[in-house]
Protein backbone atom coordinates (compact mmCIF):
# COMPACT_ATOMS: atom_id res chain seq x y z
CA MET A 1 95.90 168.51 38.68
CA LEU A 2 96.67 166.09 35.88
CA ASP A 3 94.27 163.46 37.21
CA LEU A 4 91.34 165.88 37.61
CA THR A 5 88.43 166.33 35.25
CA LEU A 6 88.15 169.59 33.35
CA GLU A 7 85.39 170.75 35.70
CA ASP A 8 87.48 169.90 38.77
CA ARG A 9 90.49 171.75 37.31
CA ALA A 10 88.37 174.86 36.83
CA ARG A 11 87.00 174.55 40.36
CA ALA A 12 90.48 174.14 41.84
CA LEU A 13 91.80 177.15 39.93
CA ASN A 14 88.86 179.26 41.10
CA ASP A 15 89.60 178.25 44.69
CA ARG A 16 93.29 179.02 44.22
CA TYR A 17 92.75 182.54 42.84
CA ARG A 18 89.40 183.43 44.40
CA ASN A 19 90.75 186.41 46.32
CA HIS A 20 93.08 187.69 43.60
CA ALA A 21 92.58 190.89 41.62
CA ALA A 22 92.00 190.87 37.87
CA VAL A 23 95.61 191.70 36.97
CA SER A 24 96.85 188.94 39.25
CA VAL A 25 94.46 186.41 37.70
CA LEU A 26 95.66 187.41 34.24
CA ARG A 27 99.33 187.09 35.16
CA HIS A 28 98.80 183.70 36.77
CA ALA A 29 96.73 182.48 33.82
CA LEU A 30 99.68 183.22 31.55
CA ALA A 31 102.17 181.44 33.79
CA ASP A 32 100.29 178.68 35.63
CA PRO A 33 101.36 175.25 34.27
CA ASP A 34 97.88 173.91 35.02
CA LEU A 35 96.54 176.06 32.17
CA GLY A 36 99.13 175.45 29.45
CA ARG A 37 99.23 177.59 26.29
CA VAL A 38 96.79 180.51 26.42
CA ALA A 39 95.59 183.17 23.95
CA LEU A 40 93.45 186.29 24.43
CA VAL A 41 90.35 186.52 22.23
CA SER A 42 89.27 190.14 21.77
CA SER A 43 86.42 191.75 19.84
CA PHE A 44 88.05 195.19 20.14
CA GLY A 45 84.64 196.29 21.34
CA ALA A 46 83.35 198.78 23.87
CA GLU A 47 85.43 197.57 26.85
CA SER A 48 88.09 195.43 25.18
CA VAL A 49 90.88 197.96 25.62
CA VAL A 50 91.03 197.28 29.39
CA LEU A 51 92.14 193.67 29.03
CA LEU A 52 94.32 194.50 26.02
CA HIS A 53 96.15 197.13 28.06
CA MET A 54 96.61 194.74 30.99
CA LEU A 55 98.04 192.16 28.62
CA SER A 56 100.39 194.68 27.02
CA VAL A 57 101.91 195.29 30.45
CA ALA A 58 101.90 191.71 31.74
CA ALA A 59 102.93 189.73 28.63
CA PRO A 60 102.84 191.70 25.36
CA ASP A 61 103.90 188.71 23.24
CA THR A 62 100.77 186.71 24.16
CA PRO A 63 98.73 185.84 21.03
CA VAL A 64 95.67 188.08 20.58
CA LEU A 65 92.97 186.67 18.29
CA PHE A 66 90.59 189.12 16.61
CA VAL A 67 87.82 187.68 14.42
CA ASP A 68 86.91 189.92 11.49
CA THR A 69 83.52 188.58 10.46
CA GLY A 70 83.31 190.74 7.36
CA MET A 71 80.28 192.48 8.87
CA LEU A 72 81.87 194.59 11.59
CA PHE A 73 81.28 198.32 11.86
CA PRO A 74 83.91 200.40 10.02
CA GLU A 75 84.44 202.15 13.36
CA THR A 76 85.42 198.82 14.96
CA LEU A 77 88.02 198.12 12.28
CA ALA A 78 89.47 201.62 12.65
CA TYR A 79 89.49 201.25 16.46
CA GLN A 80 91.27 197.91 16.19
CA ARG A 81 94.01 199.50 14.10
CA GLU A 82 94.30 202.38 16.57
CA ILE A 83 94.69 200.09 19.58
CA ALA A 84 97.18 197.89 17.71
CA ALA A 85 99.31 200.99 17.10
CA ARG A 86 98.93 202.36 20.63
CA LEU A 87 99.74 199.24 22.66
CA PRO A 88 102.97 197.22 22.41
CA LEU A 89 101.18 193.96 21.63
CA THR A 90 103.38 191.99 19.25
CA ASP A 91 101.22 189.04 18.20
CA ILE A 92 97.80 190.27 17.07
CA ARG A 93 96.20 187.82 14.65
CA VAL A 94 93.23 188.80 12.51
CA ILE A 95 91.14 185.68 11.91
CA ARG A 96 88.71 185.41 9.01
CA ALA A 97 86.72 182.70 7.33
CA SER A 98 88.05 182.13 3.82
CA ASP A 99 86.29 183.48 0.74
CA ASP A 100 85.35 179.92 -0.23
CA GLU A 101 83.79 179.25 3.17
CA ILE A 102 81.70 182.43 3.04
CA ALA A 103 80.68 181.74 -0.55
CA ALA A 104 79.43 178.32 0.50
CA ALA A 105 77.64 179.40 3.69
CA ASP A 106 76.41 182.90 2.84
CA PRO A 107 76.78 183.66 -0.89
CA GLY A 108 74.35 186.59 -0.81
CA GLY A 109 75.54 188.07 2.47
CA THR A 110 72.03 187.86 3.91
CA LEU A 111 72.27 184.78 6.13
CA ASN A 112 71.99 186.97 9.24
CA GLN A 113 68.45 187.88 8.17
CA ARG A 114 67.35 184.23 8.09
CA ASP A 115 69.48 182.39 10.63
CA THR A 116 71.69 184.37 13.00
CA ASP A 117 73.11 181.21 14.59
CA ALA A 118 74.27 179.90 11.22
CA CYS A 119 75.76 183.29 10.33
CA CYS A 120 77.70 183.48 13.61
CA ASN A 121 78.85 179.91 13.10
CA ALA A 122 80.22 180.50 9.59
CA ARG A 123 81.77 183.89 10.18
CA LYS A 124 83.00 183.65 13.76
CA VAL A 125 82.70 180.30 15.53
CA VAL A 126 84.30 178.13 12.84
CA PRO A 127 87.37 180.32 12.16
CA LEU A 128 87.86 181.03 15.87
CA GLU A 129 87.68 177.37 16.81
CA ARG A 130 90.27 176.61 14.17
CA ALA A 131 92.52 179.39 15.48
CA LEU A 132 92.19 178.09 19.06
CA ALA A 133 93.09 174.53 18.11
CA GLY A 134 96.65 174.90 19.39
CA PHE A 135 95.75 176.40 22.76
CA ASP A 136 94.82 174.87 26.13
CA GLY A 137 92.85 177.92 27.24
CA TRP A 138 91.69 181.35 26.15
CA ILE A 139 91.12 184.64 27.91
CA THR A 140 87.87 186.57 27.51
CA GLY A 141 86.67 189.98 28.66
CA ARG A 142 83.25 188.80 29.86
CA LYS A 143 81.88 190.19 33.11
CA ARG A 144 79.02 189.38 35.45
CA PHE A 145 77.46 192.83 35.25
CA GLN A 146 76.78 192.27 31.53
CA GLY A 147 73.86 190.08 32.60
CA GLY A 148 72.19 187.20 30.81
CA GLN A 149 74.18 183.98 30.90
CA ARG A 150 77.15 185.86 32.37
CA VAL A 151 75.73 186.67 35.82
CA GLU A 152 77.38 183.64 37.45
CA LEU A 153 80.75 183.84 35.70
CA GLU A 154 83.82 182.65 37.59
CA PHE A 155 87.46 183.35 36.79
CA PHE A 156 87.87 179.92 35.22
CA GLU A 157 85.31 177.92 33.23
CA PRO A 158 85.55 174.47 31.66
CA GLU A 159 85.07 174.30 27.91
CA ALA A 160 84.67 170.71 26.78
CA PRO A 161 86.53 168.69 25.77
CA SER A 162 89.86 170.03 27.04
CA ARG A 163 90.08 173.84 27.15
CA LEU A 164 89.58 176.35 29.93
CA ARG A 165 88.17 179.85 29.55
CA VAL A 166 89.70 182.55 31.73
CA ASN A 167 87.63 185.60 32.70
CA PRO A 168 89.93 187.96 34.67
CA LEU A 169 87.30 190.73 34.76
CA ALA A 170 84.41 188.48 35.82
CA HIS A 171 83.85 190.28 39.13
CA TRP A 172 84.41 193.84 37.91
CA ARG A 173 81.65 196.45 38.08
CA ALA A 174 80.84 198.76 35.18
CA GLN A 175 82.40 201.62 37.14
CA ASP A 176 85.65 199.67 37.49
CA VAL A 177 85.93 199.54 33.70
CA VAL A 178 85.37 203.28 33.35
CA GLU A 179 87.87 204.11 36.08
CA TYR A 180 90.55 201.87 34.58
CA MET A 181 90.14 203.53 31.17
CA ASP A 182 90.31 207.00 32.74
CA GLU A 183 93.33 206.25 34.92
CA ASN A 184 95.28 204.83 31.99
CA ALA A 185 94.09 207.37 29.39
CA LEU A 186 92.82 204.63 27.10
CA PRO A 187 90.87 205.51 23.93
CA ARG A 188 87.16 204.66 23.78
CA HIS A 189 85.42 202.86 20.96
CA PRO A 190 83.75 205.68 18.98
CA LEU A 191 80.36 203.92 18.91
CA VAL A 192 80.04 204.00 22.71
CA ALA A 193 79.29 207.72 22.61
CA ARG A 194 76.55 207.00 20.07
CA GLY A 195 74.64 204.63 22.35
CA TYR A 196 76.34 201.28 21.72
CA PRO A 197 77.53 199.86 25.09
CA SER A 198 77.92 196.40 23.49
CA ILE A 199 79.20 196.14 19.92
CA GLY A 200 79.08 193.21 17.52
CA CYS A 201 78.40 192.95 13.80
CA ALA A 202 76.72 195.96 12.20
CA PRO A 203 73.56 194.18 10.93
CA CYS A 204 72.82 192.64 14.34
CA THR A 205 73.71 195.52 16.70
CA SER A 206 71.52 198.52 17.49
CA PRO A 207 71.78 201.44 19.94
CA VAL A 208 70.58 200.90 23.50
CA LYS A 209 68.09 203.25 25.13
CA PRO A 210 68.57 204.61 28.66
CA GLY A 211 67.49 202.01 31.22
CA GLU A 212 67.86 199.05 28.88
CA ASP A 213 70.22 196.15 29.50
CA PRO A 214 73.66 196.99 28.05
CA ARG A 215 73.38 194.00 25.69
CA ALA A 216 69.80 194.73 24.62
CA GLY A 217 71.07 195.98 21.28
CA ARG A 218 72.58 192.61 20.34
CA TRP A 219 70.26 190.53 18.12
CA ARG A 220 67.38 192.78 19.20
CA GLY A 221 63.98 191.12 19.07
CA SER A 222 65.32 187.58 19.31
CA ALA A 223 66.11 185.19 22.14
CA LYS A 224 69.75 185.03 21.05
CA THR A 225 72.19 186.53 23.56
CA GLU A 226 75.55 184.96 22.70
CA CYS A 227 77.36 184.12 19.47
CA GLY A 228 78.97 180.93 20.83
CA ILE A 229 77.69 177.55 19.61
CA HIS A 230 78.28 174.09 21.12
CA PHE A 231 77.46 170.67 19.77
CA ILE A 232 75.76 168.26 22.17
CA GLY A 233 74.59 164.98 20.75
CA GLY A 234 74.83 166.44 17.26
CA LYS A 235 72.46 169.31 18.10
CA ILE A 236 73.29 173.01 18.11
CA VAL A 237 72.59 174.90 21.31
CA ARG A 238 73.38 178.41 22.45
CA GLY A 239 75.28 179.46 25.52
CA PRO A 240 77.53 177.53 27.89
CA LEU A 241 77.29 173.78 28.24
CA ALA A 242 75.03 172.72 31.08
CA PRO A 243 77.10 170.91 33.73
CA GLU A 244 75.11 167.71 33.29
CA ALA A 245 75.73 167.77 29.53
CA VAL A 246 79.51 167.90 29.67
CA PRO A 247 80.41 164.31 30.65
CA ASP A 248 78.54 162.70 27.75
CA ALA A 249 79.38 165.17 25.03
CA VAL A 250 82.68 165.79 23.33
CA PRO A 251 81.97 168.59 20.85
CA GLU A 252 84.17 168.73 17.80
CA PRO A 253 85.81 171.95 16.74
CA ALA A 254 82.99 173.43 14.67
CA PRO A 255 84.21 172.86 11.12
CA ALA A 256 83.32 174.54 7.86
CA PRO A 257 81.72 173.09 4.74
CA GLU A 258 84.06 171.20 2.43
CA PRO A 259 86.44 172.16 1.01
CA VAL A 260 88.10 173.78 4.00
CA PRO A 261 91.07 175.94 3.08
CA ALA A 262 93.13 177.53 5.82
CA ALA A 263 91.47 180.57 7.34
CA ALA A 264 92.86 183.81 6.02
CA ILE A 265 94.92 185.88 8.39
CA SER A 266 95.91 189.44 7.73
CA PRO A 267 98.88 190.88 9.58
CA VAL A 268 98.08 193.88 11.74
CA PRO A 269 100.48 196.80 12.10
CA THR A 270 101.83 196.67 15.61
CA ASP A 271 104.25 199.55 15.74
CA SER A 272 105.09 199.92 19.39
CA VAL A 273 103.86 203.31 20.51
CA PRO A 274 103.52 202.77 24.26
CA THR A 275 101.79 205.76 25.82
CA GLN A 276 101.55 204.21 29.27
CA PRO A 277 104.68 204.61 31.42
CA GLU A 278 104.35 201.11 32.86
CA ALA A 279 104.42 199.40 29.46
CA PRO A 280 107.67 197.45 29.10
CA THR A 281 110.20 198.25 26.40
CA MET A 282 110.72 195.32 24.10
CA THR A 283 111.63 194.30 20.57
CA PRO A 284 108.55 193.24 18.59
CA THR A 285 108.52 189.70 17.30
CA PRO A 286 107.86 189.13 13.57
CA ARG A 287 104.23 189.33 12.53
CA PRO A 288 102.52 186.35 10.87
CA ARG A 289 102.42 186.32 7.08
CA ALA A 290 99.08 186.98 5.43
CA ASP A 291 98.93 183.36 4.35
CA ALA A 292 100.08 181.95 7.68
CA ASP A 293 98.19 179.30 9.60
CA PRO A 294 95.75 180.88 12.09
CA VAL A 295 97.33 179.22 15.10
CA ALA A 296 100.86 179.06 16.37
CA PRO A 297 102.92 176.74 14.16
CA LEU A 298 103.02 173.15 15.29
CA PRO A 299 106.37 171.63 16.20
CA ALA A 300 108.11 169.80 13.39
CA SER A 301 106.92 166.22 13.26
CA SER A 302 109.43 163.41 13.46
CA ALA A 303 107.11 161.19 11.43
CA THR A 304 108.05 159.93 8.00
CA ILE A 305 105.54 160.67 5.25
CA VAL A 306 104.26 157.41 3.83
CA THR A 307 103.36 157.71 0.15
CA LEU A 308 100.99 155.42 -1.67
CA PRO A 309 102.07 154.87 -5.28
CA GLY A 310 98.97 154.84 -7.42
CA ALA A 311 96.56 154.89 -4.49
CA GLU A 312 96.01 158.63 -4.42
CA ALA A 313 95.51 158.70 -8.17
CA ALA A 314 92.80 156.07 -7.94
CA ASP A 315 89.52 156.16 -6.07
CA ALA A 316 90.64 153.98 -3.19
CA PRO A 317 90.17 155.46 0.30
CA VAL A 318 93.21 155.77 2.54
CA LEU A 319 93.95 155.51 6.24
CA VAL A 320 95.55 158.46 8.02
CA ARG A 321 97.91 157.63 10.87
CA ASP A 322 100.59 159.62 12.65
CA ASP A 323 103.18 158.66 10.02
CA GLY A 324 101.07 159.50 6.96
CA PHE A 325 98.76 157.74 4.50
CA HIS A 326 98.30 153.96 4.33
CA PRO A 327 96.15 151.62 2.24
CA VAL A 328 92.94 150.64 4.00
CA GLU A 329 93.42 147.25 5.63
CA GLY A 330 91.35 145.25 8.07
CA THR A 331 87.59 144.84 8.13
CA PRO A 332 85.87 146.37 11.17
CA ASP A 333 84.15 143.88 13.45
CA VAL A 334 81.46 146.48 14.00
CA SER A 335 80.61 149.87 12.49
CA LEU A 336 78.85 152.27 14.85
CA PRO A 337 76.53 154.99 13.49
CA PRO A 338 76.64 158.32 15.33
CA ASP A 339 73.28 157.74 17.03
CA THR A 340 74.48 154.56 18.76
CA ASP A 341 73.20 154.34 22.33
CA PRO A 342 76.26 154.82 24.59
CA ALA A 343 74.74 152.29 27.01
CA SER A 344 75.19 149.58 24.36
CA LEU A 345 78.91 150.12 23.81
CA GLY A 346 79.99 147.62 26.47
CA GLN A 347 78.99 144.67 24.28
CA HIS A 348 81.68 145.61 21.71
CA LEU A 349 84.72 145.72 24.00
CA GLY A 350 86.05 142.41 22.66
CA ALA A 351 86.17 143.59 19.03
CA ALA A 352 89.59 143.88 17.40
CA LEU A 353 88.60 146.81 15.17
CA ILE A 354 85.68 149.20 15.64
CA ALA A 355 84.72 151.83 13.08
CA VAL A 356 82.78 154.92 14.14
CA GLU A 357 80.89 156.70 11.38
CA PHE A 358 80.94 160.47 10.82
CA PRO A 359 78.20 161.22 8.24
CA ALA A 360 79.30 164.86 8.16
CA MET A 361 82.13 166.89 9.60
CA THR A 362 79.62 168.91 11.62
CA ASP A 363 78.39 165.83 13.50
CA GLY A 364 80.50 165.47 16.63
CA ARG A 365 78.71 162.52 18.20
CA GLY A 366 81.39 160.10 17.03
CA PHE A 367 83.95 161.84 19.23
CA SER A 368 81.76 161.11 22.26
CA LEU A 369 81.43 157.44 21.29
CA ALA A 370 85.21 157.06 20.95
CA ARG A 371 85.88 158.67 24.30
CA ILE A 372 83.29 156.51 26.05
CA LEU A 373 84.69 153.33 24.47
CA ARG A 374 88.16 154.15 25.76
CA GLU A 375 86.80 155.02 29.20
CA LEU A 376 85.06 151.62 29.28
CA GLY A 377 88.44 149.98 28.69
CA TYR A 378 88.32 149.23 24.97
CA ALA A 379 91.90 148.38 23.89
CA GLY A 380 91.45 147.48 20.22
CA ARG A 381 91.85 149.60 17.11
CA LEU A 382 89.43 152.48 16.73
CA ARG A 383 88.85 153.95 13.27
CA ALA A 384 86.93 157.10 12.31
CA THR A 385 85.22 156.88 8.92
CA GLY A 386 83.36 159.40 6.82
CA GLY A 387 83.55 163.16 6.92
CA LEU A 388 86.52 164.18 9.06
CA ILE A 389 89.08 166.66 7.72
CA ALA A 390 92.71 167.42 8.58
CA ASP A 391 91.82 170.14 11.09
CA GLN A 392 89.94 167.51 13.13
CA TYR A 393 92.73 164.91 13.22
CA ALA A 394 94.21 166.06 16.53
CA MET A 395 90.76 165.95 18.14
CA ALA A 396 90.22 162.43 16.79
CA ARG A 397 93.52 161.23 18.23
CA ARG A 398 92.92 162.89 21.60
CA VAL A 399 89.57 161.17 22.16
CA GLY A 400 91.00 157.75 21.32
CA PHE A 401 90.92 157.08 17.57
CA ASP A 402 93.96 155.27 16.17
CA GLU A 403 93.32 156.17 12.54
CA VAL A 404 90.99 158.06 10.22
CA GLU A 405 89.69 156.66 6.94
CA ILE A 406 89.21 159.32 4.26
CA PRO A 407 88.05 159.15 0.63
CA ALA A 408 90.58 159.45 -2.18
CA ALA A 409 89.19 162.82 -3.26
CA LEU A 410 89.89 164.30 0.17
CA SER A 411 93.39 162.81 0.24
CA ARG A 412 94.13 164.75 -2.95
CA ARG A 413 92.68 168.02 -1.61
CA GLN A 414 94.39 167.57 1.76
CA PRO A 415 97.58 165.56 1.10
CA ALA A 416 99.64 163.81 3.76
CA PRO A 417 101.69 166.87 4.86
CA GLN A 418 98.49 168.65 5.93
CA TRP A 419 97.53 165.72 8.14
CA LEU A 420 101.07 165.29 9.47
CA ALA A 421 101.04 168.94 10.54
CA ARG A 422 98.53 167.71 13.14
CA ALA A 423 100.39 164.47 13.87
CA ASP A 424 102.14 165.91 16.94
CA TRP A 425 98.75 165.95 18.61
CA ARG A 426 100.17 164.99 22.00
CA ASP A 427 102.14 168.25 22.12
CA TRP A 428 98.81 170.09 22.12
CA ASP A 429 97.14 167.92 24.73
CA HIS A 430 97.59 169.74 28.05
CA ARG A 431 97.87 166.60 30.19
CA SER A 432 100.60 165.08 28.03
CA ARG A 433 102.50 168.35 27.81
CA LEU A 434 102.45 168.96 31.54
CA ALA A 435 103.51 165.38 32.21
CA GLY A 436 106.66 166.08 30.20
């Protein structure tokens, strides 16, 4: 499958596992080399325990990512701790935006009242995207019967630019969920009994009346139905990427306002108290430290850190490459703004050095330009300039950039070791990894 597009890979996987049951799809997703490294993302909501239980039986050491937005119901936090203690899952990671990020985006804690998309982006999308940076795919608990944009869900979905989403329960009915919980004596989220069939953040979730859609209580009174945000041509849109939008858009991992410290992670107690007879006996692996990086640690880089005597102390910008910082050298033959018409890129293929401008870290259009240039056959040096940060370096390298130019101030806030932690970018590119 290495020569297939992301959409074709998803289609082939759906054909391969079309007649498999949910547990079988989950097991194969964790072992199939065409998927690579996979994590489960769980809200610990109304139905989350089903997939968490399946995972605890199939592969209890699989990373489980739980985003604590800071606005969850107290009942959700208590339920998360209960499930963590009940099931022998050994790698639950609580992902949060840092205090500095929240202070910059939502200092008064009222952003949800003015702009729910921006609130979801700051508190959930940004930290989750950062946590998923080391994975080739992620597992969700979404199901067709939940309605809205989910009615046509398949087991495998493409998520540009290079990840796959896996939905093992896509074809389950609501009754299947109830029966699985009953048969395995799994605890219910306490808010379900109080009229909350779908549970998100407390300010944006309300009880659902009989006969209403199960997700009617989410962002009630607005057109918003999902918390996910994608960048297409620099614009924010809700919901999944339209098929026709994928080829020309390479969304960046949604970053946070500068400065961007590492997302905080709190370790979760995971004392193994398996109550299900089929749960395997195993020795828990060590939990992440509270100050650990939100994704699995990158392999040690073989690169040598290049230091710049005097350069970092001055105001001179620096170039970031896979072996560290370098003085800026070479004048670009052309500098492309992010709104450059992709149809005009062919005229620049003879340039020795092309710079692509990133006015802000939230503008992902430059990634699309770089990818298109490489697809057109451009073989010269490609430099990203402007607002990229260390967390975006692997993305920049994957789409075709050779180097990133950063201002001196950023090089002091994010020194060379932070960038070199992302220098083994090929190890996290699924095609390169599977090629050996």
